[in-house]
PDB file of N, CA and C in Angstrom:
ATOM      1  N   MET A   1      16.042  53.743  -7.162  1.00  0.00           N
ATOM      2  CA  MET A   1      16.554  52.487  -7.531  1.00  0.00           C
ATOM      3  C   MET A   1      16.832  51.383  -6.855  1.00  0.00           C
ATOM      4  N   LEU A   2      17.141  51.861  -5.596  1.00  0.00           N
ATOM      5  CA  LEU A   2      17.453  50.533  -4.350  1.00  0.00           C
ATOM      6  C   LEU A   2      16.076  49.964  -3.739  1.00  0.00           C
ATOM      7  N   TYR A   3      14.959  50.746  -3.733  1.00  0.00           N
ATOM      8  CA  TYR A   3      13.975  50.335  -3.546  1.00  0.00           C
ATOM      9  C   TYR A   3      13.136  49.541  -4.540  1.00  0.00           C
ATOM     10  N   LEU A   4      13.607  49.737  -5.541  1.00  0.00           N
ATOM     11  CA  LEU A   4      13.004  48.497  -6.709  1.00  0.00           C
ATOM     12  C   LEU A   4      13.828  47.262  -6.673  1.00  0.00           C
ATOM     13  N   VAL A   5      15.223  47.286  -6.349  1.00  0.00           N
ATOM     14  CA  VAL A   5      15.625  46.134  -6.030  1.00  0.00           C
ATOM     15  C   VAL A   5      15.559  45.269  -4.901  1.00  0.00           C
ATOM     16  N   LEU A   6      15.096  46.048  -3.949  1.00  0.00           N
ATOM     17  CA  LEU A   6      14.756  45.233  -2.665  1.00  0.00           C
ATOM     18  C   LEU A   6      13.306  44.715  -2.834  1.00  0.00           C
ATOM     19  N   VAL A   7      12.115  45.318  -3.452  1.00  0.00           N
ATOM     20  CA  VAL A   7      11.145  44.901  -3.677  1.00  0.00           C
ATOM     21  C   VAL A   7      11.201  43.603  -4.389  1.00  0.00           C
ATOM     22  N   ALA A   8      11.832  43.923  -5.522  1.00  0.00           N
ATOM     23  CA  ALA A   8      12.118  42.493  -6.581  1.00  0.00           C
ATOM     24  C   ALA A   8      12.674  41.644  -5.599  1.00  0.00           C
ATOM     25  N   ILE A   9      13.546  41.715  -5.077  1.00  0.00           N
ATOM     26  CA  ILE A   9      14.274  40.455  -4.197  1.00  0.00           C
ATOM     27  C   ILE A   9      13.445  39.660  -3.296  1.00  0.00           C
ATOM     28  N   SER A  10      12.167  40.767  -2.824  1.00  0.00           N
ATOM     29  CA  SER A  10      11.583  40.269  -1.796  1.00  0.00           C
ATOM     30  C   SER A  10      10.459  39.473  -2.422  1.00  0.00           C
ATOM     31  N   LEU A  11       9.970  39.870  -3.767  1.00  0.00           N
ATOM     32  CA  LEU A  11       8.967  39.201  -4.491  1.00  0.00           C
ATOM     33  C   LEU A  11       9.484  37.700  -5.178  1.00  0.00           C
ATOM     34  N   ILE A  12      10.689  37.983  -5.116  1.00  0.00           N
ATOM     35  CA  ILE A  12      11.583  36.377  -6.056  1.00  0.00           C
ATOM     36  C   ILE A  12      11.503  35.269  -4.269  1.00  0.00           C
ATOM     37  N   ALA A  13      11.859  36.244  -3.558  1.00  0.00           N
ATOM     38  CA  ALA A  13      12.105  35.089  -2.323  1.00  0.00           C
ATOM     39  C   ALA A  13      10.677  34.516  -1.704  1.00  0.00           C
ATOM     40  N   SER A  14       9.546  35.491  -1.881  1.00  0.00           N
ATOM     41  CA  SER A  14       8.247  34.624  -1.449  1.00  0.00           C
ATOM     42  C   SER A  14       7.807  33.785  -2.515  1.00  0.00           C
ATOM     43  N   ALA A  15       8.142  34.154  -3.775  1.00  0.00           N
ATOM     44  CA  ALA A  15       7.612  33.195  -4.894  1.00  0.00           C
ATOM     45  C   ALA A  15       8.545  31.643  -4.718  1.00  0.00           C
ATOM     46  N   LEU A  16       9.644  31.794  -4.280  1.00  0.00           N
ATOM     47  CA  LEU A  16      10.650  30.634  -4.253  1.00  0.00           C
ATOM     48  C   LEU A  16      10.197  30.067  -2.752  1.00  0.00           C
ATOM     49  N   LEU A  17       9.721  30.707  -2.017  1.00  0.00           N
ATOM     50  CA  LEU A  17       9.243  29.907  -0.685  1.00  0.00           C
ATOM     51  C   LEU A  17       7.482  29.132  -0.952  1.00  0.00           C
ATOM     52  N   ILE A  18       6.771  29.977  -1.611  1.00  0.00           N
ATOM     53  CA  ILE A  18       5.653  29.259  -2.049  1.00  0.00           C
ATOM     54  C   ILE A  18       5.788  28.040  -3.028  1.00  0.00           C
ATOM     55  N   LEU A  19       6.864  28.321  -3.802  1.00  0.00           N
ATOM     56  CA  LEU A  19       7.035  27.180  -4.749  1.00  0.00           C
ATOM     57  C   LEU A  19       7.421  25.823  -3.906  1.00  0.00           C
ATOM     58  N   GLY A  20       8.589  26.460  -3.095  1.00  0.00           N
ATOM     59  CA  GLY A  20       9.092  25.241  -2.083  1.00  0.00           C
ATOM     60  C   GLY A  20       8.487  24.551  -1.353  1.00  0.00           C
ATOM     61  N   TYR A  21       7.439  24.858  -0.732  1.00  0.00           N
ATOM     62  CA  TYR A  21       6.190  24.678   0.110  1.00  0.00           C
ATOM     63  C   TYR A  21       5.324  23.770  -0.902  1.00  0.00           C
ATOM     64  N   PHE A  22       4.784  24.236  -1.979  1.00  0.00           N
ATOM     65  CA  PHE A  22       3.972  23.174  -3.101  1.00  0.00           C
ATOM     66  C   PHE A  22       4.857  21.930  -3.475  1.00  0.00           C
ATOM     67  N   SER A  23       6.198  22.093  -3.901  1.00  0.00           N
ATOM     68  CA  SER A  23       6.842  21.180  -4.444  1.00  0.00           C
ATOM     69  C   SER A  23       6.933  20.206  -3.446  1.00  0.00           C
ATOM     70  N   SER A  24       7.382  20.405  -2.031  1.00  0.00           N
ATOM     71  CA  SER A  24       7.233  19.344  -0.978  1.00  0.00           C
ATOM     72  C   SER A  24       5.979  18.517  -0.567  1.00  0.00           C
ATOM     73  N   ASN A  25       4.901  19.282  -0.899  1.00  0.00           N
ATOM     74  CA  ASN A  25       3.537  18.744  -0.771  1.00  0.00           C
ATOM     75  C   ASN A  25       3.550  17.883  -1.940  1.00  0.00           C
ATOM     76  N   MET A  26       3.687  17.989  -2.995  1.00  0.00           N
ATOM     77  CA  MET A  26       3.554  17.265  -4.285  1.00  0.00           C
ATOM     78  C   MET A  26       4.469  15.973  -3.831  1.00  0.00           C
ATOM     79  N   ALA A  27       5.549  16.087  -3.738  1.00  0.00           N
ATOM     80  CA  ALA A  27       6.295  14.874  -3.503  1.00  0.00           C
ATOM     81  C   ALA A  27       5.793  14.325  -2.273  1.00  0.00           C
ATOM     82  N   TYR A  28       5.166  14.626  -1.205  1.00  0.00           N
ATOM     83  CA  TYR A  28       4.445  13.764  -0.368  1.00  0.00           C
ATOM     84  C   TYR A  28       3.327  13.124  -1.012  1.00  0.00           C
ATOM     85  N   HIS A  29       2.568  13.739  -1.540  1.00  0.00           N
ATOM     86  CA  HIS A  29       1.355  13.067  -2.311  1.00  0.00           C
ATOM     87  C   HIS A  29       1.779  12.306  -3.072  1.00  0.00           C
ATOM     88  N   SER A  30       2.810  12.338  -3.812  1.00  0.00           N
ATOM     89  CA  SER A  30       2.906  11.322  -5.047  1.00  0.00           C
ATOM     90  C   SER A  30       3.681  10.171  -4.314  1.00  0.00           C
ATOM     91  N   LYS A  31       4.593   9.939  -3.007  1.00  0.00           N
ATOM     92  CA  LYS A  31       4.717   9.000  -2.387  1.00  0.00           C
ATOM     93  C   LYS A  31       3.615   8.062  -1.848  1.00  0.00           C
ATOM     94  N   TRP A  32       2.718   8.937  -1.512  1.00  0.00           N
ATOM     95  CA  TRP A  32       1.370   8.356  -0.959  1.00  0.00           C
ATOM     96  C   TRP A  32       0.781   7.481  -1.999  1.00  0.00           C
ATOM     97  N   MET A  33       0.714   8.080  -3.220  1.00  0.00           N
ATOM     98  CA  MET A  33      -0.159   7.485  -4.064  1.00  0.00           C
ATOM     99  C   MET A  33       0.273   6.188  -4.683  1.00  0.00           C
ATOM    100  N   TYR A  34       1.982   6.286  -4.580  1.00  0.00           N
ATOM    101  CA  TYR A  34       2.889   5.090  -4.856  1.00  0.00           C
ATOM    102  C   TYR A  34       2.154   4.194  -3.947  1.00  0.00           C
ATOM    103  N   LEU A  35       2.430   4.232  -2.722  1.00  0.00           N
ATOM    104  CA  LEU A  35       2.177   3.453  -1.726  1.00  0.00           C
ATOM    105  C   LEU A  35       0.633   2.958  -1.676  1.00  0.00           C
ATOM    106  N   THR A  36      -0.163   3.505  -2.026  1.00  0.00           N
ATOM    107  CA  THR A  36      -1.768   3.241  -2.292  1.00  0.00           C
ATOM    108  C   THR A  36      -1.828   2.294  -3.207  1.00  0.00           C
ATOM    109  N   ALA A  37      -0.923   2.480  -4.681  1.00  0.00           N
ATOM    110  CA  ALA A  37      -0.841   1.462  -5.686  1.00  0.00           C
ATOM    111  C   ALA A  37      -0.228   0.582  -5.375  1.00  0.00           C
ATOM    112  N   CYS A  38       0.797   0.391  -4.762  1.00  0.00           N
ATOM    113  CA  CYS A  38       1.207  -0.806  -4.308  1.00  0.00           C
ATOM    114  C   CYS A  38       0.416  -1.796  -3.412  1.00  0.00           C
ATOM    115  N   ASP A  39      -0.177  -0.929  -2.442  1.00  0.00           N
ATOM    116  CA  ASP A  39      -1.138  -1.684  -1.438  1.00  0.00           C
ATOM    117  C   ASP A  39      -2.118  -2.467  -2.501  1.00  0.00           C
ATOM    118  N   ARG A  40      -2.704  -1.592  -3.441  1.00  0.00           N
ATOM    119  CA  ARG A  40      -3.882  -2.347  -4.343  1.00  0.00           C
ATOM    120  C   ARG A  40      -3.189  -3.729  -4.991  1.00  0.00           C
ATOM    121  N   ASN A  41      -2.077  -3.507  -5.345  1.00  0.00           N
ATOM    122  CA  ASN A  41      -1.211  -4.717  -6.261  1.00  0.00           C
ATOM    123  C   ASN A  41      -0.876  -5.809  -5.059  1.00  0.00           C
ATOM    124  N   LEU A  42      -0.550  -5.359  -4.028  1.00  0.00           N
ATOM    125  CA  LEU A  42      -0.631  -6.785  -3.402  1.00  0.00           C
ATOM    126  C   LEU A  42      -1.778  -7.302  -2.755  1.00  0.00           C
ATOM    127  N   LYS A  43      -2.650  -6.561  -2.555  1.00  0.00           N
ATOM    128  CA  LYS A  43      -3.846  -7.423  -2.215  1.00  0.00           C
ATOM    129  C   LYS A  43      -4.499  -8.115  -3.236  1.00  0.00           C
ATOM    130  N   ALA A  44      -4.555  -7.472  -4.637  1.00  0.00           N
ATOM    131  CA  ALA A  44      -4.864  -8.205  -5.512  1.00  0.00           C
ATOM    132  C   ALA A  44      -4.209  -9.177  -5.813  1.00  0.00           C
ATOM    133  N   SER A  45      -2.809  -9.292  -5.489  1.00  0.00           N
ATOM    134  CA  SER A  45      -2.123 -10.520  -5.720  1.00  0.00           C
ATOM    135  C   SER A  45      -2.120 -11.463  -4.740  1.00  0.00           C
ATOM    136  N   ALA A  46      -2.274 -11.304  -3.375  1.00  0.00           N
ATOM    137  CA  ALA A  46      -2.985 -12.235  -2.569  1.00  0.00           C
ATOM    138  C   ALA A  46      -4.192 -12.817  -2.691  1.00  0.00           C
ATOM    139  N   LEU A  47      -5.168 -11.829  -3.205  1.00  0.00           N
ATOM    140  CA  LEU A  47      -6.536 -12.457  -3.234  1.00  0.00           C
ATOM    141  C   LEU A  47      -6.624 -13.361  -4.607  1.00  0.00           C
ATOM    142  N   ALA A  48      -5.667 -13.066  -5.555  1.00  0.00           N
ATOM    143  CA  ALA A  48      -5.758 -14.290  -7.016  1.00  0.00           C
ATOM    144  C   ALA A  48      -4.940 -15.404  -6.479  1.00  0.00           C
ATOM    145  N   TRP A  49      -4.297 -15.272  -5.537  1.00  0.00           N
ATOM    146  CA  TRP A  49      -3.725 -16.448  -4.901  1.00  0.00           C
ATOM    147  C   TRP A  49      -4.878 -16.960  -4.211  1.00  0.00           C
ATOM    148  N   ALA A  50      -5.572 -16.745  -3.305  1.00  0.00           N
ATOM    149  CA  ALA A  50      -6.104 -17.452  -2.228  1.00  0.00           C
ATOM    150  C   ALA A  50      -7.444 -17.886  -3.086  1.00  0.00           C
ATOM    151  N   GLU A  51      -7.783 -17.199  -4.038  1.00  0.00           N
ATOM    152  CA  GLU A  51      -8.977 -17.809  -5.090  1.00  0.00           C
ATOM    153  C   GLU A  51      -8.227 -18.809  -5.849  1.00  0.00           C
ATOM    154  N   CYS A  52      -7.230 -18.780  -6.386  1.00  0.00           N
ATOM    155  CA  CYS A  52      -6.516 -19.822  -7.164  1.00  0.00           C
ATOM    156  C   CYS A  52      -6.261 -21.193  -5.928  1.00  0.00           C
ATOM    157  N   ASN A  53      -5.904 -21.202  -5.009  1.00  0.00           N
ATOM    158  CA  ASN A  53      -5.841 -22.149  -4.155  1.00  0.00           C
ATOM    159  C   ASN A  53      -6.942 -22.443  -2.935  1.00  0.00           C
ATOM    160  N   VAL A  54      -8.284 -22.203  -3.349  1.00  0.00           N
ATOM    161  CA  VAL A  54      -9.290 -22.154  -2.307  1.00  0.00           C
ATOM    162  C   VAL A  54      -9.516 -23.682  -1.865  1.00  0.00           C
ATOM    163  N   ASP A  55      -9.204 -24.723  -2.703  1.00  0.00           N
ATOM    164  CA  ASP A  55      -9.223 -26.057  -2.257  1.00  0.00           C
ATOM    165  C   ASP A  55      -8.560 -26.486  -1.131  1.00  0.00           C
ATOM    166  N   GLY A  56      -7.336 -26.087  -1.181  1.00  0.00           N
ATOM    167  CA  GLY A  56      -6.265 -26.350  -0.131  1.00  0.00           C
ATOM    168  C   GLY A  56      -6.158 -25.071   0.924  1.00  0.00           C
ATOM    169  N   LEU A  57      -6.955 -24.320   0.722  1.00  0.00           N
ATOM    170  CA  LEU A  57      -6.606 -22.882   1.850  1.00  0.00           C
ATOM    171  C   LEU A  57      -6.991 -23.380   3.279  1.00  0.00           C
ATOM    172  N   LYS A  58      -7.747 -24.331   3.609  1.00  0.00           N
ATOM    173  CA  LYS A  58      -8.008 -24.280   5.185  1.00  0.00           C
ATOM    174  C   LYS A  58      -6.421 -25.209   5.609  1.00  0.00           C
ATOM    175  N   GLU A  59      -6.002 -26.203   4.625  1.00  0.00           N
ATOM    176  CA  GLU A  59      -4.898 -27.173   5.073  1.00  0.00           C
ATOM    177  C   GLU A  59      -3.514 -25.708   5.145  1.00  0.00           C
ATOM    178  N   LYS A  60      -3.615 -25.033   4.222  1.00  0.00           N
ATOM    179  CA  LYS A  60      -2.195 -24.446   3.940  1.00  0.00           C
ATOM    180  C   LYS A  60      -2.377 -23.206   5.259  1.00  0.00           C
ATOM    181  N   LEU A  61      -3.494 -22.716   5.630  1.00  0.00           N
ATOM    182  CA  LEU A  61      -3.521 -21.534   6.416  1.00  0.00           C
ATOM    183  C   LEU A  61      -4.079 -21.774   7.855  1.00  0.00           C
ATOM    184  N   SER A  62      -4.024 -23.158   8.327  1.00  0.00           N
ATOM    185  CA  SER A  62      -4.817 -23.767   9.395  1.00  0.00           C
ATOM    186  C   SER A  62      -3.747 -22.981  10.606  1.00  0.00           C
ATOM    187  N   ALA A  63      -2.479 -23.363  10.407  1.00  0.00           N
ATOM    188  CA  ALA A  63      -1.477 -23.222  11.650  1.00  0.00           C
ATOM    189  C   ALA A  63      -1.353 -21.575  11.651  1.00  0.00           C
ATOM    190  N   GLU A  64      -0.617 -21.110  10.818  1.00  0.00           N
ATOM    191  CA  GLU A  64      -0.049 -19.626  10.422  1.00  0.00           C
ATOM    192  C   GLU A  64      -0.256 -19.336   9.318  1.00  0.00           C
ATOM    193  N   SER A  65       0.170 -17.961   9.002  1.00  0.00           N
ATOM    194  CA  SER A  65      -0.218 -17.238   7.793  1.00  0.00           C
ATOM    195  C   SER A  65       0.989 -17.602   6.778  1.00  0.00           C
ATOM    196  N   PHE A  66       0.492 -17.276   5.527  1.00  0.00           N
ATOM    197  CA  PHE A  66       1.288 -17.834   4.255  1.00  0.00           C
ATOM    198  C   PHE A  66       1.809 -16.542   3.648  1.00  0.00           C
ATOM    199  N   ASN A  67       2.906 -16.428   3.608  1.00  0.00           N
ATOM    200  CA  ASN A  67       3.481 -15.120   2.958  1.00  0.00           C
ATOM    201  C   ASN A  67       4.162 -15.434   1.462  1.00  0.00           C
ATOM    202  N   PRO A  68       3.287 -15.087   0.342  1.00  0.00           N
ATOM    203  CA  PRO A  68       3.844 -15.554  -0.760  1.00  0.00           C
ATOM    204  C   PRO A  68       4.695 -14.515  -1.174  1.00  0.00           C
ATOM    205  N   ASP A  69       5.430 -14.998  -2.458  1.00  0.00           N
ATOM    206  CA  ASP A  69       6.843 -14.373  -2.738  1.00  0.00           C
ATOM    207  C   ASP A  69       6.105 -13.050  -3.697  1.00  0.00           C
ATOM    208  N   THR A  70       6.290 -11.880  -3.174  1.00  0.00           N
ATOM    209  CA  THR A  70       6.030 -10.637  -4.237  1.00  0.00           C
ATOM    210  C   THR A  70       7.227  -9.931  -4.965  1.00  0.00           C
ATOM    211  N   SER A  71       8.285 -10.744  -5.213  1.00  0.00           N
ATOM    212  CA  SER A  71       9.517 -10.037  -5.958  1.00  0.00           C
ATOM    213  C   SER A  71       9.113  -9.799  -7.541  1.00  0.00           C
ATOM    214  N   ALA A  72       8.453 -10.505  -7.950  1.00  0.00           N
ATOM    215  CA  ALA A  72       7.809 -10.577  -9.527  1.00  0.00           C
ATOM    216  C   ALA A  72       6.911  -8.968  -9.284  1.00  0.00           C
ATOM    217  N   LEU A  73       6.450  -8.639  -8.456  1.00  0.00           N
ATOM    218  CA  LEU A  73       5.738  -7.294  -8.660  1.00  0.00           C
ATOM    219  C   LEU A  73       6.532  -6.110  -8.613  1.00  0.00           C
ATOM    220  N   GLY A  74       7.799  -6.357  -8.202  1.00  0.00           N
ATOM    221  CA  GLY A  74       8.708  -5.240  -8.400  1.00  0.00           C
ATOM    222  C   GLY A  74       8.368  -4.034  -7.305  1.00  0.00           C
ATOM    223  N   ILE A  75       7.986  -4.523  -6.205  1.00  0.00           N
ATOM    224  CA  ILE A  75       7.711  -3.396  -4.843  1.00  0.00           C
ATOM    225  C   ILE A  75       8.692  -3.925  -4.036  1.00  0.00           C
ATOM    226  N   PRO A  76       9.809  -3.108  -3.983  1.00  0.00           N
ATOM    227  CA  PRO A  76      11.212  -3.546  -3.007  1.00  0.00           C
ATOM    228  C   PRO A  76      10.877  -3.398  -1.700  1.00  0.00           C
ATOM    229  N   ALA A  77       9.976  -2.560  -0.821  1.00  0.00           N
ATOM    230  CA  ALA A  77       9.792  -2.503   0.357  1.00  0.00           C
ATOM    231  C   ALA A  77       8.688  -3.107   0.632  1.00  0.00           C
ATOM    232  N   GLY A  78       7.822  -3.984   0.049  1.00  0.00           N
ATOM    233  CA  GLY A  78       6.390  -4.446   0.079  1.00  0.00           C
ATOM    234  C   GLY A  78       6.302  -5.952   0.652  1.00  0.00           C
ATOM    235  N   SER A  79       5.688  -6.174   1.428  1.00  0.00           N
ATOM    236  CA  SER A  79       5.185  -7.745   1.905  1.00  0.00           C
ATOM    237  C   SER A  79       3.484  -7.849   1.933  1.00  0.00           C
ATOM    238  N   VAL A  80       3.254  -8.986   1.698  1.00  0.00           N
ATOM    239  CA  VAL A  80       1.921  -9.325   2.220  1.00  0.00           C
ATOM    240  C   VAL A  80       1.909 -10.762   2.683  1.00  0.00           C
ATOM    241  N   SER A  81       1.096 -10.873   3.972  1.00  0.00           N
ATOM    242  CA  SER A  81       0.762 -11.820   4.733  1.00  0.00           C
ATOM    243  C   SER A  81      -0.705 -12.503   4.396  1.00  0.00           C
ATOM    244  N   ILE A  82      -1.237 -13.690   4.095  1.00  0.00           N
ATOM    245  CA  ILE A  82      -2.447 -14.093   4.227  1.00  0.00           C
ATOM    246  C   ILE A  82      -2.793 -15.279   5.266  1.00  0.00           C
ATOM    247  N   SER A  83      -3.685 -14.789   6.051  1.00  0.00           N
ATOM    248  CA  SER A  83      -3.949 -15.501   7.185  1.00  0.00           C
ATOM    249  C   SER A  83      -5.403 -16.183   7.061  1.00  0.00           C
ATOM    250  N   LEU A  84      -5.720 -17.325   7.617  1.00  0.00           N
ATOM    251  CA  LEU A  84      -7.561 -17.523   8.025  1.00  0.00           C
ATOM    252  C   LEU A  84      -8.121 -17.213   9.118  1.00  0.00           C
ATOM    253  N   SER A  85      -9.194 -16.133   8.676  1.00  0.00           N
ATOM    254  CA  SER A  85      -9.607 -15.601   9.970  1.00  0.00           C
ATOM    255  C   SER A  85     -11.237 -16.268  10.143  1.00  0.00           C
ATOM    256  N   GLU A  86     -11.660 -16.693   9.374  1.00  0.00           N
ATOM    257  CA  GLU A  86     -13.328 -17.681   9.983  1.00  0.00           C
ATOM    258  C   GLU A  86     -13.567 -18.771   8.777  1.00  0.00           C
ATOM    259  N   ILE A  87     -14.772 -19.386   8.939  1.00  0.00           N
ATOM    260  CA  ILE A  87     -15.155 -20.220   7.955  1.00  0.00           C
ATOM    261  C   ILE A  87     -16.774 -19.972   8.142  1.00  0.00           C
ATOM    262  N   ALA A  88     -17.363 -19.477   7.340  1.00  0.00           N
ATOM    263  CA  ALA A  88     -18.694 -19.541   7.431  1.00  0.00           C
ATOM    264  C   ALA A  88     -19.652 -20.610   7.424  1.00  0.00           C
ATOM    265  N   THR A  89     -20.790 -20.440   7.969  1.00  0.00           N
ATOM    266  CA  THR A  89     -21.398 -21.460   8.036  1.00  0.00           C
ATOM    267  C   THR A  89     -22.098 -22.215   6.892  1.00  0.00           C
ATOM    268  N   GLY A  90     -22.335 -23.369   6.868  1.00  0.00           N
ATOM    269  CA  GLY A  90     -22.356 -24.031   5.727  1.00  0.00           C
ATOM    270  C   GLY A  90     -21.327 -24.748   5.012  1.00  0.00           C
ATOM    271  N   ASN A  91     -20.012 -24.056   5.260  1.00  0.00           N
ATOM    272  CA  ASN A  91     -18.695 -24.545   4.869  1.00  0.00           C
ATOM    273  C   ASN A  91     -18.692 -24.107   3.367  1.00  0.00           C
ATOM    274  N   THR A  92     -19.366 -22.933   3.010  1.00  0.00           N
ATOM    275  CA  THR A  92     -19.075 -22.759   1.523  1.00  0.00           C
ATOM    276  C   THR A  92     -18.254 -21.145   1.132  1.00  0.00           C
ATOM    277  N   ALA A  93     -17.987 -20.824   2.519  1.00  0.00           N
ATOM    278  CA  ALA A  93     -17.135 -19.527   2.505  1.00  0.00           C
ATOM    279  C   ALA A  93     -15.769 -19.686   3.413  1.00  0.00           C
ATOM    280  N   THR A  94     -15.164 -19.310   2.759  1.00  0.00           N
ATOM    281  CA  THR A  94     -13.721 -18.987   3.875  1.00  0.00           C
ATOM    282  C   THR A  94     -13.583 -17.551   3.724  1.00  0.00           C
ATOM    283  N   GLY A  95     -13.142 -17.156   5.278  1.00  0.00           N
ATOM    284  CA  GLY A  95     -12.782 -15.886   5.299  1.00  0.00           C
ATOM    285  C   GLY A  95     -11.302 -15.818   5.745  1.00  0.00           C
ATOM    286  N   ILE A  96     -10.647 -14.672   4.839  1.00  0.00           N
ATOM    287  CA  ILE A  96      -9.114 -14.773   5.141  1.00  0.00           C
ATOM    288  C   ILE A  96      -8.931 -13.030   5.155  1.00  0.00           C
ATOM    289  N   THR A  97      -7.851 -12.996   5.984  1.00  0.00           N
ATOM    290  CA  THR A  97      -7.194 -11.537   6.256  1.00  0.00           C
ATOM    291  C   THR A  97      -6.261 -11.390   5.425  1.00  0.00           C
ATOM    292  N   ILE A  98      -6.030 -10.673   4.906  1.00  0.00           N
ATOM    293  CA  ILE A  98      -4.856  -9.927   3.880  1.00  0.00           C
ATOM    294  C   ILE A  98      -3.839  -8.743   4.752  1.00  0.00           C
ATOM    295  N   ASP A  99      -2.748  -8.784   5.364  1.00  0.00           N
ATOM    296  CA  ASP A  99      -2.134  -7.738   5.532  1.00  0.00           C
ATOM    297  C   ASP A  99      -1.036  -7.294   4.923  1.00  0.00           C
ATOM    298  N   THR A 100      -1.237  -6.006   4.261  1.00  0.00           N
ATOM    299  CA  THR A 100      -0.202  -5.502   3.681  1.00  0.00           C
ATOM    300  C   THR A 100       0.683  -4.390   3.896  1.00  0.00           C
ATOM    301  N   ARG A 101       1.907  -4.521   3.767  1.00  0.00           N
ATOM    302  CA  ARG A 101       2.946  -3.539   4.318  1.00  0.00           C
ATOM    303  C   ARG A 101       4.035  -3.035   3.224  1.00  0.00           C
ATOM    304  N   CYS A 102       4.187  -1.644   2.785  1.00  0.00           N
ATOM    305  CA  CYS A 102       5.021  -1.302   1.978  1.00  0.00           C
ATOM    306  C   CYS A 102       5.359   0.205   2.236  1.00  0.00           C
ATOM    307  N   SER A 103       6.444   0.385   1.811  1.00  0.00           N
ATOM    308  CA  SER A 103       7.011   1.888   2.271  1.00  0.00           C
ATOM    309  C   SER A 103       7.913   2.301   1.214  1.00  0.00           C
ATOM    310  N   LYS A 104       8.069   3.734   1.425  1.00  0.00           N
ATOM    311  CA  LYS A 104       9.345   4.410   0.218  1.00  0.00           C
ATOM    312  C   LYS A 104       9.646   5.866   1.063  1.00  0.00           C
ATOM    313  N   GLY A 105      10.734   5.584   1.434  1.00  0.00           N
ATOM    314  CA  GLY A 105      11.501   6.429   2.211  1.00  0.00           C
ATOM    315  C   GLY A 105      10.951   6.738   3.568  1.00  0.00           C
ATOM    316  N   LYS A 106      10.604   7.655   4.312  1.00  0.00           N
ATOM    317  CA  LYS A 106       9.955   7.700   5.530  1.00  0.00           C
ATOM    318  C   LYS A 106       8.481   7.522   5.773  1.00  0.00           C
ATOM    319  N   ILE A 107       8.049   7.153   4.578  1.00  0.00           N
ATOM    320  CA  ILE A 107       6.498   6.971   4.620  1.00  0.00           C
ATOM    321  C   ILE A 107       6.027   5.703   4.692  1.00  0.00           C
ATOM    322  N   SER A 108       5.201   4.712   5.369  1.00  0.00           N
ATOM    323  CA  SER A 108       5.096   3.655   5.173  1.00  0.00           C
ATOM    324  C   SER A 108       3.608   3.303   5.492  1.00  0.00           C
ATOM    325  N   LEU A 109       2.942   2.403   4.774  1.00  0.00           N
ATOM    326  CA  LEU A 109       1.596   2.136   4.865  1.00  0.00           C
ATOM    327  C   LEU A 109       1.599   0.447   5.288  1.00  0.00           C
ATOM    328  N   LYS A 110       0.591   0.316   6.000  1.00  0.00           N
ATOM    329  CA  LYS A 110       0.335  -1.061   6.653  1.00  0.00           C
ATOM    330  C   LYS A 110      -1.403  -1.350   6.598  1.00  0.00           C
ATOM    331  N   LYS A 111      -1.822  -1.938   6.197  1.00  0.00           N
ATOM    332  CA  LYS A 111      -3.347  -2.150   6.022  1.00  0.00           C
ATOM    333  C   LYS A 111      -3.632  -3.542   6.354  1.00  0.00           C
ATOM    334  N   LYS A 112      -4.904  -3.732   7.032  1.00  0.00           N
ATOM    335  CA  LYS A 112      -5.444  -5.004   7.132  1.00  0.00           C
ATOM    336  C   LYS A 112      -6.740  -5.092   6.720  1.00  0.00           C
ATOM    337  N   THR A 113      -7.092  -6.161   5.743  1.00  0.00           N
ATOM    338  CA  THR A 113      -8.363  -6.406   5.010  1.00  0.00           C
ATOM    339  C   THR A 113      -8.664  -7.632   5.128  1.00  0.00           C
ATOM    340  N   GLY A 114     -10.211  -7.861   5.276  1.00  0.00           N
ATOM    341  CA  GLY A 114     -10.696  -9.158   5.115  1.00  0.00           C
ATOM    342  C   GLY A 114     -11.548  -9.319   4.124  1.00  0.00           C
ATOM    343  N   PHE A 115     -11.187 -10.677   3.584  1.00  0.00           N
ATOM    344  CA  PHE A 115     -12.173 -10.971   2.398  1.00  0.00           C
ATOM    345  C   PHE A 115     -13.016 -12.316   2.701  1.00  0.00           C
ATOM    346  N   PHE A 116     -13.893 -12.749   1.975  1.00  0.00           N
ATOM    347  CA  PHE A 116     -14.847 -13.784   2.228  1.00  0.00           C
ATOM    348  C   PHE A 116     -14.583 -14.897   0.438  1.00  0.00           C
ATOM    349  N   ILE A 117     -14.216 -15.907   0.334  1.00  0.00           N
ATOM    350  CA  ILE A 117     -13.944 -16.392  -0.529  1.00  0.00           C
ATOM    351  C   ILE A 117     -15.194 -17.377  -0.633  1.00  0.00           C
ATOM    352  N   THR A 118     -15.853 -17.609  -1.673  1.00  0.00           N
ATOM    353  CA  THR A 118     -16.805 -18.701  -1.882  1.00  0.00           C
ATOM    354  C   THR A 118     -16.531 -19.876  -2.930  1.00  0.00           C
ATOM    355  N   TYR A 119     -16.822 -21.016  -2.620  1.00  0.00           N
ATOM    356  CA  TYR A 119     -16.404 -22.108  -3.500  1.00  0.00           C
ATOM    357  C   TYR A 119     -17.502 -22.915  -3.345  1.00  0.00           C
TER     358      TYR A 119
END
């Protein structure tokens, strides 16, 4: 009877160890997916702003980068910065660089992406 109890306790302990590992792994991946979604939202918002303001883009971004207000997106630790990277030949396209930063807990995500806006 004592051996049966010891085997049962060891089986329960190993099952809890495996479940604990998978739950922490799932928590990490859910935070990472949240940050990826926030990055996509910040990028889409910055690109939409740049496309709407393509006429005055060179004047607004010539000296420094522009940081639009992202509080309406509901991302508490997110920020975006838009800067002018290059102007294509023929003056029909403008290259912009979008820097996004977002974090949740101990995990943070920072990406830099370049786009061309034609007009």
